[in-house]
C-alpha atoms as a PDB file:
ATOM      1  CA  UNK A   1     -65.278  63.986  12.448  1.00  0.00           C
ATOM      2  CA  UNK A   2     -64.625  63.082   8.724  1.00  0.00           C
ATOM      3  CA  UNK A   3     -66.402  63.605   5.662  1.00  0.00           C
ATOM      4  CA  UNK A   4     -68.558  60.438   5.740  1.00  0.00           C
ATOM      5  CA  UNK A   5     -69.645  60.993   9.227  1.00  0.00           C
ATOM      6  CA  UNK A   6     -70.979  64.663   8.288  1.00  0.00           C
ATOM      7  CA  UNK A   7     -72.570  63.466   5.083  1.00  0.00           C
ATOM      8  CA  UNK A   8     -74.269  60.639   6.799  1.00  0.00           C
ATOM      9  CA  UNK A   9     -75.565  62.956   9.563  1.00  0.00           C
ATOM     10  CA  UNK A  10     -76.849  65.395   6.909  1.00  0.00           C
ATOM     11  CA  UNK A  11     -78.408  62.547   4.884  1.00  0.00           C
ATOM     12  CA  UNK A  12     -80.209  61.164   7.892  1.00  0.00           C
ATOM     13  CA  UNK A  13     -81.645  64.860   8.798  1.00  0.00           C
ATOM     14  CA  UNK A  14     -82.871  65.208   5.200  1.00  0.00           C
ATOM     15  CA  UNK A  15     -84.494  61.802   5.488  1.00  0.00           C
ATOM     16  CA  UNK A  16     -86.301  62.767   8.694  1.00  0.00           C
ATOM     17  CA  UNK A  17     -87.579  65.982   6.904  1.00  0.00           C
ATOM     18  CA  UNK A  18     -88.712  64.111   3.866  1.00  0.00           C
ATOM     19  CA  UNK A  19     -90.575  61.466   6.314  1.00  0.00           C
ATOM     20  CA  UNK A  20     -92.302  64.231   8.204  1.00  0.00           C
ATOM     21  CA  UNK A  21     -93.348  65.931   5.240  1.00  0.00           C
ATOM     22  CA  UNK A  22     -94.627  62.874   3.690  1.00  0.00           C
ATOM     23  CA  UNK A  23     -96.766  62.081   6.801  1.00  0.00           C
ATOM     24  CA  UNK A  24     -97.926  65.704   6.903  1.00  0.00           C
ATOM     25  CA  UNK A  25     -99.316  65.582   3.334  1.00  0.00           C
ATOM     26  CA  UNK A  26    -100.205  61.906   3.429  1.00  0.00           C
ATOM     27  CA  UNK A  27     -97.619  60.982   0.635  1.00  0.00           C
ATOM     28  CA  UNK A  28     -96.404  57.449   1.358  1.00  0.00           C
ATOM     29  CA  UNK A  29     -93.776  57.509  -1.408  1.00  0.00           C
ATOM     30  CA  UNK A  30     -92.387  60.671   0.044  1.00  0.00           C
ATOM     31  CA  UNK A  31     -92.262  58.977   3.513  1.00  0.00           C
ATOM     32  CA  UNK A  32     -90.579  55.961   2.004  1.00  0.00           C
ATOM     33  CA  UNK A  33     -87.935  58.043   0.398  1.00  0.00           C
ATOM     34  CA  UNK A  34     -87.329  59.630   3.760  1.00  0.00           C
ATOM     35  CA  UNK A  35     -86.878  56.381   5.431  1.00  0.00           C
ATOM     36  CA  UNK A  36     -84.497  55.304   2.785  1.00  0.00           C
ATOM     37  CA  UNK A  37     -82.455  58.399   3.104  1.00  0.00           C
ATOM     38  CA  UNK A  38     -82.366  58.034   6.658  1.00  0.00           C
ATOM     39  CA  UNK A  39     -80.923  54.353   6.262  1.00  0.00           C
ATOM     40  CA  UNK A  40     -78.581  55.633   3.690  1.00  0.00           C
ATOM     41  CA  UNK A  41     -77.230  58.292   5.969  1.00  0.00           C
ATOM     42  CA  UNK A  42     -76.892  55.770   8.895  1.00  0.00           C
ATOM     43  CA  UNK A  43     -74.758  53.529   6.787  1.00  0.00           C
ATOM     44  CA  UNK A  44     -72.464  56.280   5.462  1.00  0.00           C
ATOM     45  CA  UNK A  45     -72.026  57.538   8.979  1.00  0.00           C
ATOM     46  CA  UNK A  46     -70.975  54.104  10.168  1.00  0.00           C
ATOM     47  CA  UNK A  47     -68.454  53.980   7.187  1.00  0.00           C
ATOM     48  CA  UNK A  48     -66.975  57.211   8.511  1.00  0.00           C
ATOM     49  CA  UNK A  49     -66.993  55.939  12.123  1.00  0.00           C
ATOM     50  CA  UNK A  50     -65.104  52.756  10.965  1.00  0.00           C
ATOM     51  CA  UNK A  51     -62.675  54.946   8.829  1.00  0.00           C
ATOM     52  CA  UNK A  52     -62.056  57.106  11.834  1.00  0.00           C
ATOM     53  CA  UNK A  53     -61.475  54.104  14.205  1.00  0.00           C
ATOM     54  CA  UNK A  54     -59.034  52.617  11.579  1.00  0.00           C
ATOM     55  CA  UNK A  55     -57.151  55.852  11.417  1.00  0.00           C
ATOM     56  CA  UNK A  56     -57.009  56.062  15.212  1.00  0.00           C
ATOM     57  CA  UNK A  57     -55.667  52.526  15.537  1.00  0.00           C
ATOM     58  CA  UNK A  58     -53.027  52.965  12.712  1.00  0.00           C
ATOM     59  CA  UNK A  59     -51.698  56.193  14.085  1.00  0.00           C
ATOM     60  CA  UNK A  60     -48.126  55.802  15.349  1.00  0.00           C
ATOM     61  CA  UNK A  61     -47.453  57.580  18.599  1.00  0.00           C
END
């Protein structure tokens, strides 16, 4: 697991918390921020997945 995968996972988790908190208190802006954080985290995790795949493919035995 590389840095981007870890950061992406953490960003998604932070987004989940923000969205849940926004729903709990009825704050639509906080909900939207949480959803945006989740999307950003998913993108960052995918970047990490691609980097990991490229590294695996380009490794010489």
